[in-house]
Amino acid sequence: MVETEPRRDTLAFQVDLWSARGEFPRNIFDVMTRDKEIRYSSRTRAGTDQFKHIQKIRHTLAGLLEKLPQELKNGPEARLLGSVAERRVYNIVHLIYREFETESGRATVIDFMPISDEPGLVRIVVGRSGRIDFRTEFVARFNYGSTVPWVNRLDDGTINAIAGPERLVLRTPAALYGEDLRTLGEFTVEAGESVPFILAYGTSVQPPPPPIDAFEAPQRTEASWRKWSDRCPDVGPWSQAVKRSLITLKALTYAPTGGIVAAVTTSLPERLGGVRNWDYRYCWLRDATFTLLAFMHLGYYEEARDWRDWLVRAVAATLRNREST
C-alpha cells in the first residue's frame, strides 16, 4: 500500500497479528510457536523501519533539488532524482492485536480509548476461528488502590462502582457476578462473534455516563484523530515525526477543562524501596509551557486558549485573596 502510485499523503494502520511478547515456552511446541511469532513480528518492524528510511531519503532529495540552480534542474540527473524525490507524508499507526489461541479456537482482544464526551476504555473480544472460552476479572480501586468501591448492578445490568464523588460503570453483554470484592465472568466466543466491554468514568452525583456503540466508536475515533492531525502544516522531512508527536501531546490534554498533564505516569518511585512516588498526572506549568509552544508553533491555538482559561480558573481564588489584602 505504501508503494502505491501515484504517491499521496497517507494515514496507514499497520496491524501486527504476531506479538514478540509471550509466555515462556514450556516445551518444544511452545518454542516453535514463539519462534514464529518473534520472526514475523520482527519482519513487520523491519519493513516499517526500511520504509521510514526510504521516505527520509526521498524528503532529503526533494530538499536538495529545491536548492539547485534553475539551469541544473532541467538536467537528466536532476530529472532522475525528481522521479523519486517527494514531500508526501505517511503516518503509520501501529496496532497490536493480542491474540489467544487454544486447541478449540482462536480469538483477538482489541483495546482502545474512544473519542467521546465521557472518558472511557473499550475492549472487544473477537472470535477468529473455532470456539474459545474466556474468564474476565474486573477489580476497581480508587485513591491509589486504597479505597474499595461500593459495587451494585443498575436496572439495565450495568455494573456500577462508586467511591465517594467518583464512579466507574462497566457495560457488557457477558454475564458477570461478584466474588471476594471482585467482579468476575465467564463467556465464550465463536468465529465471527464479538463481545464488547465498555468502561466509563463519571461523578457519583450525576447520572451514569451514557452508553456508547463499541463497534461504531473505532471509526469515529479514527476520523476525529485524522481531522485534527491533518491541520498540521508541512514541515519538510520532519512532518511525520512532528505529526506523531502532536498526537501524543494532544492525548495529554483534558478536553472538558483544557488542563494538560505532564505525563500519563503514576506511582513512579524516586528510588526503589523509597517512600516517594511521583505522580505526573498533574499540570506542571513548565511542562505545559513546552507542550503549548509546540501546539502554537504549528497553528494549534485552541489548546492554548483552553489551557489559559483552565489556569485562570485554577488560580482564581488565590488572585482574589491577593486583591483583598
C-alpha atoms as a PDB file:
ATOM      1  CA  MET A   1       0.000   0.000   0.000  1.00  0.00           C
ATOM      2  CA  VAL A   2       2.771   2.475   0.877  1.00  0.00           C
ATOM      3  CA  GLU A   3       4.325   1.955  -2.573  1.00  0.00           C
ATOM      4  CA  THR A   4       1.094   2.716  -4.437  1.00  0.00           C
ATOM      5  CA  GLU A   5       1.462   5.093  -7.384  1.00  0.00           C
ATOM      6  CA  PRO A   6       0.804   7.963  -7.586  1.00  0.00           C
ATOM      7  CA  ARG A   7       2.032   8.599  -4.071  1.00  0.00           C
ATOM      8  CA  ARG A   8      -0.080  10.836  -1.837  1.00  0.00           C
ATOM      9  CA  ASP A   9      -0.289  11.895   1.816  1.00  0.00           C
ATOM     10  CA  THR A  10      -1.384   8.737   3.618  1.00  0.00           C
ATOM     11  CA  LEU A  11      -2.598   7.593   7.019  1.00  0.00           C
ATOM     12  CA  ALA A  12      -1.993   3.829   7.251  1.00  0.00           C
ATOM     13  CA  PHE A  13      -2.839   1.363  10.005  1.00  0.00           C
ATOM     14  CA  GLN A  14      -0.302  -1.401  10.466  1.00  0.00           C
ATOM     15  CA  VAL A  15      -1.740  -4.379  12.269  1.00  0.00           C
ATOM     16  CA  ASP A  16       0.535  -6.916  13.924  1.00  0.00           C
ATOM     17  CA  LEU A  17      -1.045 -10.361  14.014  1.00  0.00           C
ATOM     18  CA  TRP A  18       2.000 -11.732  15.825  1.00  0.00           C
ATOM     19  CA  SER A  19       3.369 -10.366  19.075  1.00  0.00           C
ATOM     20  CA  ALA A  20       7.015 -10.517  20.111  1.00  0.00           C
ATOM     21  CA  ARG A  21       5.843 -10.824  23.717  1.00  0.00           C
ATOM     22  CA  GLY A  22       4.505 -14.023  25.153  1.00  0.00           C
ATOM     23  CA  GLU A  23       4.755 -16.645  27.838  1.00  0.00           C
ATOM     24  CA  PHE A  24       7.996 -18.501  28.441  1.00  0.00           C
ATOM     25  CA  PRO A  25       7.939 -21.705  26.329  1.00  0.00           C
ATOM     26  CA  ARG A  26       7.434 -24.900  28.311  1.00  0.00           C
ATOM     27  CA  ASN A  27       8.044 -27.485  25.611  1.00  0.00           C
ATOM     28  CA  ILE A  28       9.321 -27.846  22.049  1.00  0.00           C
ATOM     29  CA  PHE A  29       5.926 -26.990  20.581  1.00  0.00           C
ATOM     30  CA  ASP A  30       5.811 -23.735  22.547  1.00  0.00           C
ATOM     31  CA  VAL A  31       9.327 -22.986  21.309  1.00  0.00           C
ATOM     32  CA  MET A  32       8.241 -23.435  17.691  1.00  0.00           C
ATOM     33  CA  THR A  33       5.211 -21.164  18.219  1.00  0.00           C
ATOM     34  CA  ARG A  34       7.227 -18.424  19.890  1.00  0.00           C
ATOM     35  CA  ASP A  35       9.883 -18.658  17.166  1.00  0.00           C
ATOM     36  CA  LYS A  36       7.232 -17.978  14.510  1.00  0.00           C
ATOM     37  CA  GLU A  37       5.699 -15.091  16.460  1.00  0.00           C
ATOM     38  CA  ILE A  38       9.037 -13.387  17.069  1.00  0.00           C
ATOM     39  CA  ARG A  39      10.245 -13.820  13.477  1.00  0.00           C
ATOM     40  CA  TYR A  40       7.068 -12.429  11.906  1.00  0.00           C
ATOM     41  CA  SER A  41       6.789  -9.611  14.436  1.00  0.00           C
ATOM     42  CA  SER A  42      10.405  -8.636  13.723  1.00  0.00           C
ATOM     43  CA  ARG A  43       9.736  -8.644   9.979  1.00  0.00           C
ATOM     44  CA  THR A  44       6.871  -6.212  10.461  1.00  0.00           C
ATOM     45  CA  ARG A  45       9.033  -3.754  12.369  1.00  0.00           C
ATOM     46  CA  ALA A  46      11.930  -4.210   9.933  1.00  0.00           C
ATOM     47  CA  GLY A  47       9.641  -3.422   6.990  1.00  0.00           C
ATOM     48  CA  THR A  48       8.362  -0.279   8.691  1.00  0.00           C
ATOM     49  CA  ASP A  49      11.882   0.877   9.559  1.00  0.00           C
ATOM     50  CA  GLN A  50      13.039   0.300   5.981  1.00  0.00           C
ATOM     51  CA  PHE A  51      10.155   2.326   4.558  1.00  0.00           C
ATOM     52  CA  LYS A  52      10.876   5.115   7.055  1.00  0.00           C
ATOM     53  CA  HIS A  53      14.487   5.204   5.855  1.00  0.00           C
ATOM     54  CA  ILE A  54      13.389   5.355   2.206  1.00  0.00           C
ATOM     55  CA  GLN A  55      10.995   8.208   2.965  1.00  0.00           C
ATOM     56  CA  LYS A  56      13.768  10.144   4.681  1.00  0.00           C
ATOM     57  CA  ILE A  57      15.914   9.776   1.533  1.00  0.00           C
ATOM     58  CA  ARG A  58      13.007  10.967  -0.659  1.00  0.00           C
ATOM     59  CA  HIS A  59      12.467  14.033   1.527  1.00  0.00           C
ATOM     60  CA  THR A  60      16.204  14.800   1.533  1.00  0.00           C
ATOM     61  CA  LEU A  61      16.365  14.556  -2.256  1.00  0.00           C
ATOM     62  CA  ALA A  62      13.420  16.929  -2.556  1.00  0.00           C
ATOM     63  CA  GLY A  63      15.205  19.428  -0.355  1.00  0.00           C
ATOM     64  CA  LEU A  64      18.410  19.177  -2.382  1.00  0.00           C
ATOM     65  CA  LEU A  65      16.584  19.627  -5.693  1.00  0.00           C
ATOM     66  CA  GLU A  66      14.944  22.799  -4.398  1.00  0.00           C
ATOM     67  CA  LYS A  67      18.416  24.248  -3.748  1.00  0.00           C
ATOM     68  CA  LEU A  68      19.745  23.518  -7.244  1.00  0.00           C
ATOM     69  CA  PRO A  69      20.185  26.427  -9.682  1.00  0.00           C
ATOM     70  CA  GLN A  70      17.477  26.573 -12.311  1.00  0.00           C
ATOM     71  CA  GLU A  71      19.858  25.577 -15.126  1.00  0.00           C
ATOM     72  CA  LEU A  72      20.705  22.311 -13.331  1.00  0.00           C
ATOM     73  CA  LYS A  73      17.116  21.374 -12.504  1.00  0.00           C
ATOM     74  CA  ASN A  74      16.416  20.549 -16.152  1.00  0.00           C
ATOM     75  CA  GLY A  75      19.336  18.144 -16.493  1.00  0.00           C
ATOM     76  CA  PRO A  76      18.845  14.375 -16.810  1.00  0.00           C
ATOM     77  CA  GLU A  77      20.395  13.699 -13.402  1.00  0.00           C
ATOM     78  CA  ALA A  78      18.004  16.117 -11.699  1.00  0.00           C
ATOM     79  CA  ARG A  79      15.016  14.657 -13.552  1.00  0.00           C
ATOM     80  CA  LEU A  80      16.016  11.155 -12.425  1.00  0.00           C
ATOM     81  CA  LEU A  81      16.282  12.272  -8.821  1.00  0.00           C
ATOM     82  CA  GLY A  82      12.989  14.135  -9.161  1.00  0.00           C
ATOM     83  CA  SER A  83      11.222  10.908 -10.119  1.00  0.00           C
ATOM     84  CA  VAL A  84      11.824   9.510  -6.624  1.00  0.00           C
ATOM     85  CA  ALA A  85      12.024  12.711  -4.556  1.00  0.00           C
ATOM     86  CA  GLU A  86       8.846  13.767  -2.754  1.00  0.00           C
ATOM     87  CA  ARG A  87       7.384  15.678   0.160  1.00  0.00           C
ATOM     88  CA  ARG A  88       4.487  13.297   0.810  1.00  0.00           C
ATOM     89  CA  VAL A  89       3.693  12.492   4.445  1.00  0.00           C
ATOM     90  CA  TYR A  90       2.996   8.944   5.601  1.00  0.00           C
ATOM     91  CA  ASN A  91       1.620   8.346   9.082  1.00  0.00           C
ATOM     92  CA  ILE A  92       1.696   4.681  10.057  1.00  0.00           C
ATOM     93  CA  VAL A  93      -0.332   3.869  13.178  1.00  0.00           C
ATOM     94  CA  HIS A  94       0.909   0.650  14.743  1.00  0.00           C
ATOM     95  CA  LEU A  95      -1.864  -1.522  16.161  1.00  0.00           C
ATOM     96  CA  ILE A  96      -1.071  -4.660  18.131  1.00  0.00           C
ATOM     97  CA  TYR A  97      -3.817  -7.219  18.438  1.00  0.00           C
ATOM     98  CA  ARG A  98      -3.495  -9.571  21.358  1.00  0.00           C
ATOM     99  CA  GLU A  99      -4.386 -12.976  20.063  1.00  0.00           C
ATOM    100  CA  PHE A 100      -5.320 -16.027  22.099  1.00  0.00           C
ATOM    101  CA  GLU A 101      -5.144 -19.484  20.607  1.00  0.00           C
ATOM    102  CA  THR A 102      -6.184 -22.779  22.185  1.00  0.00           C
ATOM    103  CA  GLU A 103      -6.866 -26.250  20.897  1.00  0.00           C
ATOM    104  CA  SER A 104     -10.508 -25.304  20.318  1.00  0.00           C
ATOM    105  CA  GLY A 105     -10.185 -21.896  18.664  1.00  0.00           C
ATOM    106  CA  ARG A 106      -8.559 -18.513  18.217  1.00  0.00           C
ATOM    107  CA  ALA A 107      -9.654 -15.027  19.328  1.00  0.00           C
ATOM    108  CA  THR A 108      -8.335 -11.463  19.327  1.00  0.00           C
ATOM    109  CA  VAL A 109      -8.556  -8.808  22.067  1.00  0.00           C
ATOM    110  CA  ILE A 110      -8.716  -5.167  20.883  1.00  0.00           C
ATOM    111  CA  ASP A 111      -8.307  -2.266  23.346  1.00  0.00           C
ATOM    112  CA  PHE A 112      -8.715   1.448  22.606  1.00  0.00           C
ATOM    113  CA  MET A 113      -9.886   4.720  24.142  1.00  0.00           C
ATOM    114  CA  PRO A 114     -12.730   6.256  22.120  1.00  0.00           C
ATOM    115  CA  ILE A 115     -13.166   9.951  21.383  1.00  0.00           C
ATOM    116  CA  SER A 116     -16.323  10.885  23.311  1.00  0.00           C
ATOM    117  CA  ASP A 117     -17.716  13.350  25.830  1.00  0.00           C
ATOM    118  CA  GLU A 118     -17.143  10.837  28.628  1.00  0.00           C
ATOM    119  CA  PRO A 119     -13.734   9.288  29.416  1.00  0.00           C
ATOM    120  CA  GLY A 120     -13.723   5.569  28.832  1.00  0.00           C
ATOM    121  CA  LEU A 121     -11.985   2.440  27.669  1.00  0.00           C
ATOM    122  CA  VAL A 122     -13.290  -0.150  25.201  1.00  0.00           C
ATOM    123  CA  ARG A 123     -12.246  -3.778  24.891  1.00  0.00           C
ATOM    124  CA  ILE A 124     -13.635  -6.040  22.172  1.00  0.00           C
ATOM    125  CA  VAL A 125     -13.042  -9.787  22.143  1.00  0.00           C
ATOM    126  CA  VAL A 126     -13.364 -11.086  18.571  1.00  0.00           C
ATOM    127  CA  GLY A 127     -13.697 -14.758  17.684  1.00  0.00           C
ATOM    128  CA  ARG A 128     -11.477 -15.702  14.740  1.00  0.00           C
ATOM    129  CA  SER A 129     -11.929 -19.438  14.440  1.00  0.00           C
ATOM    130  CA  GLY A 130     -13.479 -22.324  16.340  1.00  0.00           C
ATOM    131  CA  ARG A 131     -14.694 -21.670  19.854  1.00  0.00           C
ATOM    132  CA  ILE A 132     -12.753 -20.315  22.827  1.00  0.00           C
ATOM    133  CA  ASP A 133     -13.709 -19.781  26.477  1.00  0.00           C
ATOM    134  CA  PHE A 134     -12.686 -16.667  28.397  1.00  0.00           C
ATOM    135  CA  ARG A 135     -12.681 -15.613  32.034  1.00  0.00           C
ATOM    136  CA  THR A 136     -12.812 -11.903  32.833  1.00  0.00           C
ATOM    137  CA  GLU A 137     -11.994 -10.138  36.109  1.00  0.00           C
ATOM    138  CA  PHE A 138     -12.800  -6.527  36.985  1.00  0.00           C
ATOM    139  CA  VAL A 139     -11.190  -5.111  40.155  1.00  0.00           C
ATOM    140  CA  ALA A 140     -11.827  -1.392  40.697  1.00  0.00           C
ATOM    141  CA  ARG A 141      -9.889   0.563  43.321  1.00  0.00           C
ATOM    142  CA  PHE A 142      -9.729   4.319  43.939  1.00  0.00           C
ATOM    143  CA  ASN A 143      -7.302   6.646  45.735  1.00  0.00           C
ATOM    144  CA  TYR A 144      -4.159   4.825  44.581  1.00  0.00           C
ATOM    145  CA  GLY A 145      -5.684   1.458  45.402  1.00  0.00           C
ATOM    146  CA  SER A 146      -6.641   2.298  48.992  1.00  0.00           C
ATOM    147  CA  THR A 147     -10.422   2.610  48.513  1.00  0.00           C
ATOM    148  CA  VAL A 148     -12.672  -0.336  47.664  1.00  0.00           C
ATOM    149  CA  PRO A 149     -15.835   0.993  45.954  1.00  0.00           C
ATOM    150  CA  TRP A 150     -19.424   0.062  46.611  1.00  0.00           C
ATOM    151  CA  VAL A 151     -20.450  -2.056  43.624  1.00  0.00           C
ATOM    152  CA  ASN A 152     -24.032  -2.738  42.581  1.00  0.00           C
ATOM    153  CA  ARG A 153     -25.957  -3.530  39.434  1.00  0.00           C
ATOM    154  CA  LEU A 154     -28.222  -0.967  37.755  1.00  0.00           C
ATOM    155  CA  ASP A 155     -31.611  -1.835  36.280  1.00  0.00           C
ATOM    156  CA  ASP A 156     -30.145  -2.317  32.785  1.00  0.00           C
ATOM    157  CA  GLY A 157     -27.458  -4.690  34.079  1.00  0.00           C
ATOM    158  CA  THR A 158     -24.652  -2.125  34.159  1.00  0.00           C
ATOM    159  CA  ILE A 159     -22.016  -2.710  36.839  1.00  0.00           C
ATOM    160  CA  ASN A 160     -21.861   0.472  38.933  1.00  0.00           C
ATOM    161  CA  ALA A 161     -18.822   1.125  41.190  1.00  0.00           C
ATOM    162  CA  ILE A 162     -18.955   4.216  43.451  1.00  0.00           C
ATOM    163  CA  ALA A 163     -16.312   5.604  45.806  1.00  0.00           C
ATOM    164  CA  GLY A 164     -17.254   8.996  47.233  1.00  0.00           C
ATOM    165  CA  PRO A 165     -17.587  11.505  44.373  1.00  0.00           C
ATOM    166  CA  GLU A 166     -16.256   9.118  41.714  1.00  0.00           C
ATOM    167  CA  ARG A 167     -17.929   6.431  39.667  1.00  0.00           C
ATOM    168  CA  LEU A 168     -16.997   3.695  37.195  1.00  0.00           C
ATOM    169  CA  VAL A 169     -19.557   1.845  35.085  1.00  0.00           C
ATOM    170  CA  LEU A 170     -18.930  -1.351  33.148  1.00  0.00           C
ATOM    171  CA  ARG A 171     -21.272  -2.426  30.361  1.00  0.00           C
ATOM    172  CA  THR A 172     -21.044  -5.778  28.604  1.00  0.00           C
ATOM    173  CA  PRO A 173     -23.402  -8.493  27.367  1.00  0.00           C
ATOM    174  CA  ALA A 174     -21.246 -11.055  29.192  1.00  0.00           C
ATOM    175  CA  ALA A 175     -22.760 -12.439  32.407  1.00  0.00           C
ATOM    176  CA  LEU A 176     -20.923 -11.046  35.456  1.00  0.00           C
ATOM    177  CA  TYR A 177     -21.098 -11.826  39.180  1.00  0.00           C
ATOM    178  CA  GLY A 178     -19.453 -10.581  42.381  1.00  0.00           C
ATOM    179  CA  GLU A 179     -16.982 -12.597  44.444  1.00  0.00           C
ATOM    180  CA  ASP A 180     -14.410 -11.525  47.083  1.00  0.00           C
ATOM    181  CA  LEU A 181     -14.680  -7.811  46.236  1.00  0.00           C
ATOM    182  CA  ARG A 182     -14.172  -8.552  42.531  1.00  0.00           C
ATOM    183  CA  THR A 183     -16.472  -8.741  39.509  1.00  0.00           C
ATOM    184  CA  LEU A 184     -15.971 -11.949  37.549  1.00  0.00           C
ATOM    185  CA  GLY A 185     -17.426 -13.550  34.454  1.00  0.00           C
ATOM    186  CA  GLU A 186     -17.063 -16.406  32.005  1.00  0.00           C
ATOM    187  CA  PHE A 187     -18.071 -16.193  28.362  1.00  0.00           C
ATOM    188  CA  THR A 188     -17.489 -17.949  25.049  1.00  0.00           C
ATOM    189  CA  VAL A 189     -16.814 -16.525  21.597  1.00  0.00           C
ATOM    190  CA  GLU A 190     -17.109 -18.390  18.331  1.00  0.00           C
ATOM    191  CA  ALA A 191     -15.803 -17.467  14.900  1.00  0.00           C
ATOM    192  CA  GLY A 192     -17.415 -14.194  13.761  1.00  0.00           C
ATOM    193  CA  GLU A 193     -18.730 -13.263  17.210  1.00  0.00           C
ATOM    194  CA  SER A 194     -17.641 -10.191  19.188  1.00  0.00           C
ATOM    195  CA  VAL A 195     -18.115  -9.431  22.893  1.00  0.00           C
ATOM    196  CA  PRO A 196     -17.584  -5.769  23.920  1.00  0.00           C
ATOM    197  CA  PHE A 197     -16.642  -4.380  27.339  1.00  0.00           C
ATOM    198  CA  ILE A 198     -17.126  -0.625  27.827  1.00  0.00           C
ATOM    199  CA  LEU A 199     -15.675   1.009  30.950  1.00  0.00           C
ATOM    200  CA  ALA A 200     -16.662   4.645  31.581  1.00  0.00           C
ATOM    201  CA  TYR A 201     -15.837   7.174  34.305  1.00  0.00           C
ATOM    202  CA  GLY A 202     -18.050   9.839  35.825  1.00  0.00           C
ATOM    203  CA  THR A 203     -19.108  11.502  39.062  1.00  0.00           C
ATOM    204  CA  SER A 204     -21.428   9.794  41.500  1.00  0.00           C
ATOM    205  CA  VAL A 205     -23.623  12.905  41.877  1.00  0.00           C
ATOM    206  CA  GLN A 206     -24.532  12.808  38.184  1.00  0.00           C
ATOM    207  CA  PRO A 207     -26.394  10.106  36.242  1.00  0.00           C
ATOM    208  CA  PRO A 208     -24.176   7.286  34.937  1.00  0.00           C
ATOM    209  CA  PRO A 209     -22.293   8.060  31.721  1.00  0.00           C
ATOM    210  CA  PRO A 210     -24.461   7.193  28.697  1.00  0.00           C
ATOM    211  CA  PRO A 211     -23.658   4.012  26.765  1.00  0.00           C
ATOM    212  CA  ILE A 212     -21.693   4.139  23.531  1.00  0.00           C
ATOM    213  CA  ASP A 213     -21.650   1.883  20.496  1.00  0.00           C
ATOM    214  CA  ALA A 214     -18.439  -0.127  20.888  1.00  0.00           C
ATOM    215  CA  PHE A 215     -18.449  -1.180  17.234  1.00  0.00           C
ATOM    216  CA  GLU A 216     -19.008   2.320  15.830  1.00  0.00           C
ATOM    217  CA  ALA A 217     -16.546   4.004  18.187  1.00  0.00           C
ATOM    218  CA  PRO A 218     -13.341   2.900  16.368  1.00  0.00           C
ATOM    219  CA  GLN A 219     -14.395   4.563  13.095  1.00  0.00           C
ATOM    220  CA  ARG A 220     -15.483   7.741  14.864  1.00  0.00           C
ATOM    221  CA  THR A 221     -12.264   7.867  16.882  1.00  0.00           C
ATOM    222  CA  GLU A 222     -10.112   7.380  13.784  1.00  0.00           C
ATOM    223  CA  ALA A 223     -11.999  10.104  11.887  1.00  0.00           C
ATOM    224  CA  SER A 224     -11.583  12.552  14.770  1.00  0.00           C
ATOM    225  CA  TRP A 225      -7.840  12.000  15.058  1.00  0.00           C
ATOM    226  CA  ARG A 226      -7.432  12.210  11.282  1.00  0.00           C
ATOM    227  CA  LYS A 227      -9.299  15.536  11.087  1.00  0.00           C
ATOM    228  CA  TRP A 228      -7.288  17.042  13.940  1.00  0.00           C
ATOM    229  CA  SER A 229      -3.861  15.859  12.781  1.00  0.00           C
ATOM    230  CA  ASP A 230      -4.466  16.908   9.163  1.00  0.00           C
ATOM    231  CA  ARG A 231      -4.348  20.544  10.312  1.00  0.00           C
ATOM    232  CA  CYS A 232      -0.610  20.158  10.912  1.00  0.00           C
ATOM    233  CA  PRO A 233       1.320  22.118   8.270  1.00  0.00           C
ATOM    234  CA  ASP A 234       4.076  20.555   6.196  1.00  0.00           C
ATOM    235  CA  VAL A 235       7.451  20.895   7.900  1.00  0.00           C
ATOM    236  CA  GLY A 236       9.502  19.095   5.289  1.00  0.00           C
ATOM    237  CA  PRO A 237      11.251  15.822   6.085  1.00  0.00           C
ATOM    238  CA  TRP A 238      10.145  16.015   9.733  1.00  0.00           C
ATOM    239  CA  SER A 239       6.400  16.155   9.038  1.00  0.00           C
ATOM    240  CA  GLN A 240       5.713  12.569  10.001  1.00  0.00           C
ATOM    241  CA  ALA A 241       7.623  12.740  13.286  1.00  0.00           C
ATOM    242  CA  VAL A 242       6.075  16.116  14.155  1.00  0.00           C
ATOM    243  CA  LYS A 243       2.535  14.910  13.496  1.00  0.00           C
ATOM    244  CA  ARG A 244       3.099  11.780  15.579  1.00  0.00           C
ATOM    245  CA  SER A 245       4.442  13.915  18.443  1.00  0.00           C
ATOM    246  CA  LEU A 246       1.477  16.287  18.172  1.00  0.00           C
ATOM    247  CA  ILE A 247      -0.946  13.384  18.589  1.00  0.00           C
ATOM    248  CA  THR A 248       0.918  12.277  21.720  1.00  0.00           C
ATOM    249  CA  LEU A 249       0.798  15.780  23.191  1.00  0.00           C
ATOM    250  CA  LYS A 250      -2.889  16.149  22.342  1.00  0.00           C
ATOM    251  CA  ALA A 251      -3.572  12.907  24.208  1.00  0.00           C
ATOM    252  CA  LEU A 252      -2.199  14.587  27.348  1.00  0.00           C
ATOM    253  CA  THR A 253      -4.923  17.253  27.273  1.00  0.00           C
ATOM    254  CA  TYR A 254      -8.221  17.004  29.118  1.00  0.00           C
ATOM    255  CA  ALA A 255     -10.948  18.350  26.849  1.00  0.00           C
ATOM    256  CA  PRO A 256     -13.599  19.231  29.490  1.00  0.00           C
ATOM    257  CA  THR A 257     -11.274  21.668  31.314  1.00  0.00           C
ATOM    258  CA  GLY A 258      -8.325  22.381  28.997  1.00  0.00           C
ATOM    259  CA  GLY A 259      -5.789  21.115  31.530  1.00  0.00           C
ATOM    260  CA  ILE A 260      -2.614  19.381  30.321  1.00  0.00           C
ATOM    261  CA  VAL A 261      -0.947  16.652  32.366  1.00  0.00           C
ATOM    262  CA  ALA A 262       2.824  16.311  32.455  1.00  0.00           C
ATOM    263  CA  ALA A 263       2.763  12.601  31.560  1.00  0.00           C
ATOM    264  CA  VAL A 264       0.461   9.590  31.819  1.00  0.00           C
ATOM    265  CA  THR A 265       2.610   8.112  34.566  1.00  0.00           C
ATOM    266  CA  THR A 266       1.688   7.368  38.154  1.00  0.00           C
ATOM    267  CA  SER A 267       3.464   5.792  41.126  1.00  0.00           C
ATOM    268  CA  LEU A 268       6.935   6.190  39.659  1.00  0.00           C
ATOM    269  CA  PRO A 269       9.321   5.600  42.595  1.00  0.00           C
ATOM    270  CA  GLU A 270      12.034   8.161  43.221  1.00  0.00           C
ATOM    271  CA  ARG A 271      14.172   5.191  44.173  1.00  0.00           C
ATOM    272  CA  LEU A 272      13.375   1.524  44.674  1.00  0.00           C
ATOM    273  CA  GLY A 273      12.241   0.910  48.225  1.00  0.00           C
ATOM    274  CA  GLY A 274      11.884   4.641  48.908  1.00  0.00           C
ATOM    275  CA  VAL A 275       8.867   6.463  50.312  1.00  0.00           C
ATOM    276  CA  ARG A 276       8.366   8.926  47.435  1.00  0.00           C
ATOM    277  CA  ASN A 277       6.337   8.027  44.377  1.00  0.00           C
ATOM    278  CA  TRP A 278       5.933  10.607  41.630  1.00  0.00           C
ATOM    279  CA  ASP A 279       2.544  11.123  40.010  1.00  0.00           C
ATOM    280  CA  TYR A 280       2.797  13.063  36.757  1.00  0.00           C
ATOM    281  CA  ARG A 281      -0.951  13.169  36.147  1.00  0.00           C
ATOM    282  CA  TYR A 282      -0.985  16.809  37.203  1.00  0.00           C
ATOM    283  CA  CYS A 283      -0.425  20.015  35.261  1.00  0.00           C
ATOM    284  CA  TRP A 284       3.122  21.229  35.727  1.00  0.00           C
ATOM    285  CA  LEU A 285       3.456  24.804  34.443  1.00  0.00           C
ATOM    286  CA  ARG A 286       6.896  24.168  32.963  1.00  0.00           C
ATOM    287  CA  ASP A 287       5.860  21.017  31.091  1.00  0.00           C
ATOM    288  CA  ALA A 288       2.585  22.566  29.919  1.00  0.00           C
ATOM    289  CA  THR A 289       4.512  25.562  28.558  1.00  0.00           C
ATOM    290  CA  PHE A 290       6.649  23.331  26.335  1.00  0.00           C
ATOM    291  CA  THR A 291       3.536  21.497  25.134  1.00  0.00           C
ATOM    292  CA  LEU A 292       1.740  24.750  24.319  1.00  0.00           C
ATOM    293  CA  LEU A 293       4.745  26.152  22.447  1.00  0.00           C
ATOM    294  CA  ALA A 294       4.738  23.056  20.242  1.00  0.00           C
ATOM    295  CA  PHE A 295       1.000  23.486  19.593  1.00  0.00           C
ATOM    296  CA  MET A 296       1.204  27.184  18.767  1.00  0.00           C
ATOM    297  CA  HIS A 297       4.265  26.901  16.528  1.00  0.00           C
ATOM    298  CA  LEU A 298       2.134  24.652  14.314  1.00  0.00           C
ATOM    299  CA  GLY A 299      -1.045  26.745  14.441  1.00  0.00           C
ATOM    300  CA  TYR A 300      -2.950  24.871  17.168  1.00  0.00           C
ATOM    301  CA  TYR A 301      -4.169  27.846  19.200  1.00  0.00           C
ATOM    302  CA  GLU A 302      -7.398  26.355  20.566  1.00  0.00           C
ATOM    303  CA  GLU A 303      -5.459  24.162  23.000  1.00  0.00           C
ATOM    304  CA  ALA A 304      -3.561  27.225  24.233  1.00  0.00           C
ATOM    305  CA  ARG A 305      -6.761  29.197  24.816  1.00  0.00           C
ATOM    306  CA  ASP A 306      -8.385  26.282  26.642  1.00  0.00           C
ATOM    307  CA  TRP A 307      -5.333  25.894  28.877  1.00  0.00           C
ATOM    308  CA  ARG A 308      -5.237  29.630  29.637  1.00  0.00           C
ATOM    309  CA  ASP A 309      -8.884  29.513  30.708  1.00  0.00           C
ATOM    310  CA  TRP A 310      -8.155  26.465  32.875  1.00  0.00           C
ATOM    311  CA  LEU A 311      -5.238  28.259  34.550  1.00  0.00           C
ATOM    312  CA  VAL A 312      -7.335  31.360  35.266  1.00  0.00           C
ATOM    313  CA  ARG A 313      -9.990  29.218  36.925  1.00  0.00           C
ATOM    314  CA  ALA A 314      -7.396  27.221  38.860  1.00  0.00           C
ATOM    315  CA  VAL A 315      -5.778  30.303  40.445  1.00  0.00           C
ATOM    316  CA  ALA A 316      -8.906  32.468  40.676  1.00  0.00           C
ATOM    317  CA  ALA A 317      -9.286  32.026  44.442  1.00  0.00           C
ATOM    318  CA  THR A 318      -5.630  32.844  45.037  1.00  0.00           C
ATOM    319  CA  LEU A 319      -5.838  36.000  42.898  1.00  0.00           C
ATOM    320  CA  ARG A 320      -8.914  37.164  44.758  1.00  0.00           C
ATOM    321  CA  ASN A 321      -7.218  36.713  48.116  1.00  0.00           C
ATOM    322  CA  ARG A 322      -4.277  38.764  46.951  1.00  0.00           C
ATOM    323  CA  GLU A 323      -6.540  41.559  45.776  1.00  0.00           C
ATOM    324  CA  SER A 324      -8.254  41.740  49.154  1.00  0.00           C
ATOM    325  CA  THR A 325      -5.022  42.066  51.167  1.00  0.00           C
END
